[in-house]
Amino acid sequence: GHSMKGKVSDGDLVTIEPCDPEKLAVGDIVLVRVKGTDYLHLIKAVNNGRFLIGNNRGRINGWVGHNCVYGIATRVEP
């Protein structure tokens, strides 16, 4: 889709690697499950080991625990 346009375009090849939840930061692109749906989205905020997830167009999906973060994007290729 287009929700991550500017960071990840539809059809890009994205490399996802395991991550240490304690090292995740605002702006990181992560593969995450929010309310039963998997997304490649941004971390918008961090609070006591929880992460606020949203896209690159202003939509917020919600808060998740570290167990819902499957990995971090380390490379994006067209």
PDB file of N, CA and C in Angstrom:
ATOM      1  N   GLY A   1       0.807  -1.185   0.000  1.00  0.00           N
ATOM      2  CA  GLY A   1       0.000   0.000   0.000  1.00  0.00           C
ATOM      3  C   GLY A   1       0.850   1.249   0.000  1.00  0.00           C
ATOM      4  N   HIS A   2       0.225   2.370   0.255  1.00  0.00           N
ATOM      5  CA  HIS A   2       0.907   3.651   0.193  1.00  0.00           C
ATOM      6  C   HIS A   2       1.105   4.281   1.568  1.00  0.00           C
ATOM      7  N   SER A   3       0.756   3.587   2.619  1.00  0.00           N
ATOM      8  CA  SER A   3       0.801   4.198   3.947  1.00  0.00           C
ATOM      9  C   SER A   3       2.210   4.492   4.436  1.00  0.00           C
ATOM     10  N   MET A   4       3.206   3.862   3.836  1.00  0.00           N
ATOM     11  CA  MET A   4       4.593   4.098   4.251  1.00  0.00           C
ATOM     12  C   MET A   4       5.384   4.836   3.171  1.00  0.00           C
ATOM     13  N   LYS A   5       4.694   5.377   2.174  1.00  0.00           N
ATOM     14  CA  LYS A   5       5.364   6.085   1.076  1.00  0.00           C
ATOM     15  C   LYS A   5       6.302   7.146   1.637  1.00  0.00           C
ATOM     16  N   GLY A   6       7.482   7.203   1.058  1.00  0.00           N
ATOM     17  CA  GLY A   6       8.526   8.084   1.553  1.00  0.00           C
ATOM     18  C   GLY A   6       9.555   7.335   2.378  1.00  0.00           C
ATOM     19  N   LYS A   7       9.143   6.233   2.950  1.00  0.00           N
ATOM     20  CA  LYS A   7      10.048   5.346   3.710  1.00  0.00           C
ATOM     21  C   LYS A   7      10.171   4.005   2.998  1.00  0.00           C
ATOM     22  N   VAL A   8       9.011   3.412   2.655  1.00  0.00           N
ATOM     23  CA  VAL A   8       8.941   2.128   1.961  1.00  0.00           C
ATOM     24  C   VAL A   8       7.844   2.250   0.915  1.00  0.00           C
ATOM     25  N   SER A   9       8.200   1.969  -0.344  1.00  0.00           N
ATOM     26  CA  SER A   9       7.206   2.012  -1.409  1.00  0.00           C
ATOM     27  C   SER A   9       6.641   0.625  -1.653  1.00  0.00           C
ATOM     28  N   ASP A  10       5.431   0.577  -2.163  1.00  0.00           N
ATOM     29  CA  ASP A  10       4.786  -0.690  -2.502  1.00  0.00           C
ATOM     30  C   ASP A  10       5.695  -1.459  -3.456  1.00  0.00           C
ATOM     31  N   GLY A  11       6.005  -2.696  -3.131  1.00  0.00           N
ATOM     32  CA  GLY A  11       6.844  -3.542  -3.964  1.00  0.00           C
ATOM     33  C   GLY A  11       8.321  -3.528  -3.601  1.00  0.00           C
ATOM     34  N   ASP A  12       8.745  -2.661  -2.678  1.00  0.00           N
ATOM     35  CA  ASP A  12      10.143  -2.645  -2.255  1.00  0.00           C
ATOM     36  C   ASP A  12      10.495  -3.948  -1.546  1.00  0.00           C
ATOM     37  N   LEU A  13      11.756  -4.333  -1.670  1.00  0.00           N
ATOM     38  CA  LEU A  13      12.283  -5.478  -0.940  1.00  0.00           C
ATOM     39  C   LEU A  13      12.825  -4.963   0.388  1.00  0.00           C
ATOM     40  N   VAL A  14      12.295  -5.490   1.489  1.00  0.00           N
ATOM     41  CA  VAL A  14      12.682  -5.024   2.821  1.00  0.00           C
ATOM     42  C   VAL A  14      13.332  -6.170   3.585  1.00  0.00           C
ATOM     43  N   THR A  15      14.519  -5.909   4.106  1.00  0.00           N
ATOM     44  CA  THR A  15      15.209  -6.886   4.944  1.00  0.00           C
ATOM     45  C   THR A  15      14.815  -6.630   6.391  1.00  0.00           C
ATOM     46  N   ILE A  16      14.301  -7.682   7.037  1.00  0.00           N
ATOM     47  CA  ILE A  16      13.883  -7.622   8.445  1.00  0.00           C
ATOM     48  C   ILE A  16      14.825  -8.503   9.256  1.00  0.00           C
ATOM     49  N   GLU A  17      15.306  -7.966  10.369  1.00  0.00           N
ATOM     50  CA  GLU A  17      16.192  -8.731  11.244  1.00  0.00           C
ATOM     51  C   GLU A  17      15.645  -8.719  12.661  1.00  0.00           C
ATOM     52  N   PRO A  18      16.001  -9.732  13.447  1.00  0.00           N
ATOM     53  CA  PRO A  18      15.596  -9.726  14.856  1.00  0.00           C
ATOM     54  C   PRO A  18      16.142  -8.472  15.539  1.00  0.00           C
ATOM     55  N   CYS A  19      15.462  -8.040  16.595  1.00  0.00           N
ATOM     56  CA  CYS A  19      15.890  -6.817  17.263  1.00  0.00           C
ATOM     57  C   CYS A  19      15.771  -6.957  18.770  1.00  0.00           C
ATOM     58  N   ASP A  20      16.549  -6.141  19.448  1.00  0.00           N
ATOM     59  CA  ASP A  20      16.476  -6.028  20.900  1.00  0.00           C
ATOM     60  C   ASP A  20      15.456  -4.941  21.209  1.00  0.00           C
ATOM     61  N   PRO A  21      14.326  -5.282  21.831  1.00  0.00           N
ATOM     62  CA  PRO A  21      13.288  -4.284  22.108  1.00  0.00           C
ATOM     63  C   PRO A  21      13.804  -3.070  22.879  1.00  0.00           C
ATOM     64  N   GLU A  22      14.823  -3.261  23.715  1.00  0.00           N
ATOM     65  CA  GLU A  22      15.360  -2.146  24.495  1.00  0.00           C
ATOM     66  C   GLU A  22      16.109  -1.137  23.628  1.00  0.00           C
ATOM     67  N   LYS A  23      16.478  -1.528  22.408  1.00  0.00           N
ATOM     68  CA  LYS A  23      17.213  -0.626  21.520  1.00  0.00           C
ATOM     69  C   LYS A  23      16.319   0.026  20.470  1.00  0.00           C
ATOM     70  N   LEU A  24      15.040  -0.347  20.440  1.00  0.00           N
ATOM     71  CA  LEU A  24      14.130   0.252  19.465  1.00  0.00           C
ATOM     72  C   LEU A  24      13.856   1.702  19.835  1.00  0.00           C
ATOM     73  N   ALA A  25      13.680   2.533  18.795  1.00  0.00           N
ATOM     74  CA  ALA A  25      13.507   3.966  19.018  1.00  0.00           C
ATOM     75  C   ALA A  25      12.461   4.536  18.073  1.00  0.00           C
ATOM     76  N   VAL A  26      11.992   5.708  18.405  1.00  0.00           N
ATOM     77  CA  VAL A  26      11.057   6.434  17.547  1.00  0.00           C
ATOM     78  C   VAL A  26      11.688   6.579  16.161  1.00  0.00           C
ATOM     79  N   GLY A  27      10.898   6.280  15.136  1.00  0.00           N
ATOM     80  CA  GLY A  27      11.369   6.372  13.759  1.00  0.00           C
ATOM     81  C   GLY A  27      11.817   5.057  13.165  1.00  0.00           C
ATOM     82  N   ASP A  28      12.042   4.033  14.004  1.00  0.00           N
ATOM     83  CA  ASP A  28      12.410   2.720  13.481  1.00  0.00           C
ATOM     84  C   ASP A  28      11.233   2.121  12.721  1.00  0.00           C
ATOM     85  N   ILE A  29      11.535   1.447  11.617  1.00  0.00           N
ATOM     86  CA  ILE A  29      10.526   0.716  10.858  1.00  0.00           C
ATOM     87  C   ILE A  29      10.567  -0.725  11.346  1.00  0.00           C
ATOM     88  N   VAL A  30       9.422  -1.228  11.788  1.00  0.00           N
ATOM     89  CA  VAL A  30       9.358  -2.571  12.348  1.00  0.00           C
ATOM     90  C   VAL A  30       8.238  -3.386  11.709  1.00  0.00           C
ATOM     91  N   LEU A  31       8.428  -4.697  11.719  1.00  0.00           N
ATOM     92  CA  LEU A  31       7.357  -5.628  11.368  1.00  0.00           C
ATOM     93  C   LEU A  31       6.660  -5.947  12.675  1.00  0.00           C
ATOM     94  N   VAL A  32       5.372  -5.650  12.742  1.00  0.00           N
ATOM     95  CA  VAL A  32       4.663  -5.679  14.017  1.00  0.00           C
ATOM     96  C   VAL A  32       3.218  -6.129  13.827  1.00  0.00           C
ATOM     97  N   ARG A  33       2.659  -6.731  14.853  1.00  0.00           N
ATOM     98  CA  ARG A  33       1.242  -7.096  14.853  1.00  0.00           C
ATOM     99  C   ARG A  33       0.490  -6.165  15.798  1.00  0.00           C
ATOM    100  N   VAL A  34      -0.522  -5.497  15.236  1.00  0.00           N
ATOM    101  CA  VAL A  34      -1.370  -4.597  16.008  1.00  0.00           C
ATOM    102  C   VAL A  34      -2.812  -5.038  15.831  1.00  0.00           C
ATOM    103  N   LYS A  35      -3.469  -5.379  16.935  1.00  0.00           N
ATOM    104  CA  LYS A  35      -4.876  -5.795  16.911  1.00  0.00           C
ATOM    105  C   LYS A  35      -5.147  -6.876  15.863  1.00  0.00           C
ATOM    106  N   GLY A  36      -4.235  -7.852  15.767  1.00  0.00           N
ATOM    107  CA  GLY A  36      -4.422  -9.000  14.885  1.00  0.00           C
ATOM    108  C   GLY A  36      -3.987  -8.809  13.448  1.00  0.00           C
ATOM    109  N   THR A  37      -3.458  -7.649  13.100  1.00  0.00           N
ATOM    110  CA  THR A  37      -3.014  -7.391  11.730  1.00  0.00           C
ATOM    111  C   THR A  37      -1.519  -7.086  11.731  1.00  0.00           C
ATOM    112  N   ASP A  38      -0.803  -7.670  10.763  1.00  0.00           N
ATOM    113  CA  ASP A  38       0.637  -7.430  10.643  1.00  0.00           C
ATOM    114  C   ASP A  38       0.892  -6.219   9.759  1.00  0.00           C
ATOM    115  N   TYR A  39       1.834  -5.370  10.196  1.00  0.00           N
ATOM    116  CA  TYR A  39       2.174  -4.150   9.481  1.00  0.00           C
ATOM    117  C   TYR A  39       3.689  -3.991   9.410  1.00  0.00           C
ATOM    118  N   LEU A  40       4.145  -3.304   8.393  1.00  0.00           N
ATOM    119  CA  LEU A  40       5.492  -2.773   8.348  1.00  0.00           C
ATOM    120  C   LEU A  40       5.304  -1.277   8.572  1.00  0.00           C
ATOM    121  N   HIS A  41       5.479  -0.844   9.812  1.00  0.00           N
ATOM    122  CA  HIS A  41       5.148   0.517  10.203  1.00  0.00           C
ATOM    123  C   HIS A  41       6.224   1.120  11.095  1.00  0.00           C
ATOM    124  N   LEU A  42       6.011   2.367  11.453  1.00  0.00           N
ATOM    125  CA  LEU A  42       6.958   3.130  12.255  1.00  0.00           C
ATOM    126  C   LEU A  42       6.638   3.068  13.747  1.00  0.00           C
ATOM    127  N   ILE A  43       7.682   3.151  14.547  1.00  0.00           N
ATOM    128  CA  ILE A  43       7.498   3.393  15.971  1.00  0.00           C
ATOM    129  C   ILE A  43       7.344   4.901  16.133  1.00  0.00           C
ATOM    130  N   LYS A  44       6.219   5.321  16.697  1.00  0.00           N
ATOM    131  CA  LYS A  44       5.918   6.737  16.874  1.00  0.00           C
ATOM    132  C   LYS A  44       6.255   7.235  18.276  1.00  0.00           C
ATOM    133  N   ALA A  45       6.226   6.329  19.269  1.00  0.00           N
ATOM    134  CA  ALA A  45       6.558   6.681  20.650  1.00  0.00           C
ATOM    135  C   ALA A  45       6.943   5.409  21.395  1.00  0.00           C
ATOM    136  N   VAL A  46       7.708   5.573  22.447  1.00  0.00           N
ATOM    137  CA  VAL A  46       8.111   4.463  23.314  1.00  0.00           C
ATOM    138  C   VAL A  46       7.779   4.864  24.744  1.00  0.00           C
ATOM    139  N   ASN A  47       7.166   3.909  25.498  1.00  0.00           N
ATOM    140  CA  ASN A  47       6.798   4.197  26.874  1.00  0.00           C
ATOM    141  C   ASN A  47       6.832   2.910  27.683  1.00  0.00           C
ATOM    142  N   ASN A  48       7.810   2.797  28.568  1.00  0.00           N
ATOM    143  CA  ASN A  48       7.913   1.641  29.477  1.00  0.00           C
ATOM    144  C   ASN A  48       7.825   0.301  28.760  1.00  0.00           C
ATOM    145  N   GLY A  49       8.599   0.130  27.686  1.00  0.00           N
ATOM    146  CA  GLY A  49       8.637  -1.136  26.974  1.00  0.00           C
ATOM    147  C   GLY A  49       7.483  -1.364  26.020  1.00  0.00           C
ATOM    148  N   ARG A  50       6.642  -0.365  25.829  1.00  0.00           N
ATOM    149  CA  ARG A  50       5.550  -0.441  24.860  1.00  0.00           C
ATOM    150  C   ARG A  50       5.845   0.534  23.731  1.00  0.00           C
ATOM    151  N   PHE A  51       5.243   0.240  22.557  1.00  0.00           N
ATOM    152  CA  PHE A  51       5.532   1.011  21.362  1.00  0.00           C
ATOM    153  C   PHE A  51       4.239   1.466  20.707  1.00  0.00           C
ATOM    154  N   LEU A  52       4.173   2.748  20.379  1.00  0.00           N
ATOM    155  CA  LEU A  52       3.047   3.289  19.630  1.00  0.00           C
ATOM    156  C   LEU A  52       3.382   3.145  18.157  1.00  0.00           C
ATOM    157  N   ILE A  53       2.514   2.472  17.419  1.00  0.00           N
ATOM    158  CA  ILE A  53       2.751   2.131  16.020  1.00  0.00           C
ATOM    159  C   ILE A  53       1.870   2.983  15.116  1.00  0.00           C
ATOM    160  N   GLY A  54       2.476   3.457  14.022  1.00  0.00           N
ATOM    161  CA  GLY A  54       1.726   4.236  13.046  1.00  0.00           C
ATOM    162  C   GLY A  54       2.400   4.188  11.690  1.00  0.00           C
ATOM    163  N   ASN A  55       1.737   4.756  10.694  1.00  0.00           N
ATOM    164  CA  ASN A  55       2.317   4.758   9.353  1.00  0.00           C
ATOM    165  C   ASN A  55       3.022   6.079   9.077  1.00  0.00           C
ATOM    166  N   ASN A  56       3.461   6.273   7.851  1.00  0.00           N
ATOM    167  CA  ASN A  56       4.200   7.476   7.480  1.00  0.00           C
ATOM    168  C   ASN A  56       3.284   8.581   6.967  1.00  0.00           C
ATOM    169  N   ARG A  57       1.987   8.393   7.108  1.00  0.00           N
ATOM    170  CA  ARG A  57       1.019   9.386   6.635  1.00  0.00           C
ATOM    171  C   ARG A  57       0.166   9.950   7.768  1.00  0.00           C
ATOM    172  N   GLY A  58       0.560   9.668   9.008  1.00  0.00           N
ATOM    173  CA  GLY A  58      -0.126  10.261  10.146  1.00  0.00           C
ATOM    174  C   GLY A  58      -1.102   9.375  10.888  1.00  0.00           C
ATOM    175  N   ARG A  59      -1.397   8.179  10.365  1.00  0.00           N
ATOM    176  CA  ARG A  59      -2.342   7.281  11.046  1.00  0.00           C
ATOM    177  C   ARG A  59      -1.644   6.565  12.182  1.00  0.00           C
ATOM    178  N   ILE A  60      -2.315   6.474  13.311  1.00  0.00           N
ATOM    179  CA  ILE A  60      -1.824   5.741  14.478  1.00  0.00           C
ATOM    180  C   ILE A  60      -2.631   4.455  14.606  1.00  0.00           C
ATOM    181  N   ASN A  61      -1.915   3.324  14.758  1.00  0.00           N
ATOM    182  CA  ASN A  61      -2.575   2.027  14.864  1.00  0.00           C
ATOM    183  C   ASN A  61      -2.796   1.577  16.300  1.00  0.00           C
ATOM    184  N   GLY A  62      -1.926   2.003  17.221  1.00  0.00           N
ATOM    185  CA  GLY A  62      -2.109   1.642  18.613  1.00  0.00           C
ATOM    186  C   GLY A  62      -0.814   1.237  19.296  1.00  0.00           C
ATOM    187  N   TRP A  63      -0.944   0.957  20.579  1.00  0.00           N
ATOM    188  CA  TRP A  63       0.188   0.549  21.416  1.00  0.00           C
ATOM    189  C   TRP A  63       0.339  -0.967  21.404  1.00  0.00           C
ATOM    190  N   VAL A  64       1.591  -1.445  21.403  1.00  0.00           N
ATOM    191  CA  VAL A  64       1.881  -2.876  21.473  1.00  0.00           C
ATOM    192  C   VAL A  64       3.032  -3.108  22.436  1.00  0.00           C
ATOM    193  N   GLY A  65       3.099  -4.325  22.956  1.00  0.00           N
ATOM    194  CA  GLY A  65       4.239  -4.748  23.762  1.00  0.00           C
ATOM    195  C   GLY A  65       5.343  -5.286  22.868  1.00  0.00           C
ATOM    196  N   HIS A  66       6.505  -5.511  23.445  1.00  0.00           N
ATOM    197  CA  HIS A  66       7.658  -5.994  22.673  1.00  0.00           C
ATOM    198  C   HIS A  66       7.394  -7.340  22.011  1.00  0.00           C
ATOM    199  N   ASN A  67       6.495  -8.132  22.582  1.00  0.00           N
ATOM    200  CA  ASN A  67       6.198  -9.451  22.022  1.00  0.00           C
ATOM    201  C   ASN A  67       5.473  -9.367  20.678  1.00  0.00           C
ATOM    202  N   CYS A  68       4.972  -8.214  20.316  1.00  0.00           N
ATOM    203  CA  CYS A  68       4.281  -8.033  19.037  1.00  0.00           C
ATOM    204  C   CYS A  68       5.208  -7.511  17.943  1.00  0.00           C
ATOM    205  N   VAL A  69       6.430  -7.166  18.305  1.00  0.00           N
ATOM    206  CA  VAL A  69       7.402  -6.684  17.332  1.00  0.00           C
ATOM    207  C   VAL A  69       8.228  -7.875  16.862  1.00  0.00           C
ATOM    208  N   TYR A  70       8.124  -8.206  15.556  1.00  0.00           N
ATOM    209  CA  TYR A  70       8.803  -9.385  15.007  1.00  0.00           C
ATOM    210  C   TYR A  70      10.214  -9.085  14.536  1.00  0.00           C
ATOM    211  N   GLY A  71      10.490  -7.829  14.176  1.00  0.00           N
ATOM    212  CA  GLY A  71      11.824  -7.486  13.710  1.00  0.00           C
ATOM    213  C   GLY A  71      11.878  -6.049  13.228  1.00  0.00           C
ATOM    214  N   ILE A  72      13.091  -5.607  12.953  1.00  0.00           N
ATOM    215  CA  ILE A  72      13.336  -4.241  12.499  1.00  0.00           C
ATOM    216  C   ILE A  72      13.805  -4.265  11.044  1.00  0.00           C
ATOM    217  N   ALA A  73      13.379  -3.283  10.274  1.00  0.00           N
ATOM    218  CA  ALA A  73      13.830  -3.155   8.888  1.00  0.00           C
ATOM    219  C   ALA A  73      15.254  -2.612   8.897  1.00  0.00           C
ATOM    220  N   THR A  74      16.151  -3.333   8.259  1.00  0.00           N
ATOM    221  CA  THR A  74      17.545  -2.905   8.206  1.00  0.00           C
ATOM    222  C   THR A  74      17.965  -2.465   6.809  1.00  0.00           C
ATOM    223  N   ARG A  75      17.125  -2.780   5.820  1.00  0.00           N
ATOM    224  CA  ARG A  75      17.427  -2.399   4.444  1.00  0.00           C
ATOM    225  C   ARG A  75      16.140  -2.330   3.649  1.00  0.00           C
ATOM    226  N   VAL A  76      16.035  -1.303   2.806  1.00  0.00           N
ATOM    227  CA  VAL A  76      14.894  -1.150   1.900  1.00  0.00           C
ATOM    228  C   VAL A  76      15.454  -0.945   0.496  1.00  0.00           C
ATOM    229  N   GLU A  77      15.068  -1.827  -0.432  1.00  0.00           N
ATOM    230  CA  GLU A  77      15.544  -1.753  -1.811  1.00  0.00           C
ATOM    231  C   GLU A  77      14.368  -1.699  -2.768  1.00  0.00           C
ATOM    232  N   PRO A  78      14.468  -0.807  -3.774  1.00  0.00           N
ATOM    233  CA  PRO A  78      13.385  -0.753  -4.776  1.00  0.00           C
ATOM    234  C   PRO A  78      13.278  -2.022  -5.592  1.00  0.00           C
TER     235      PRO A  78
END
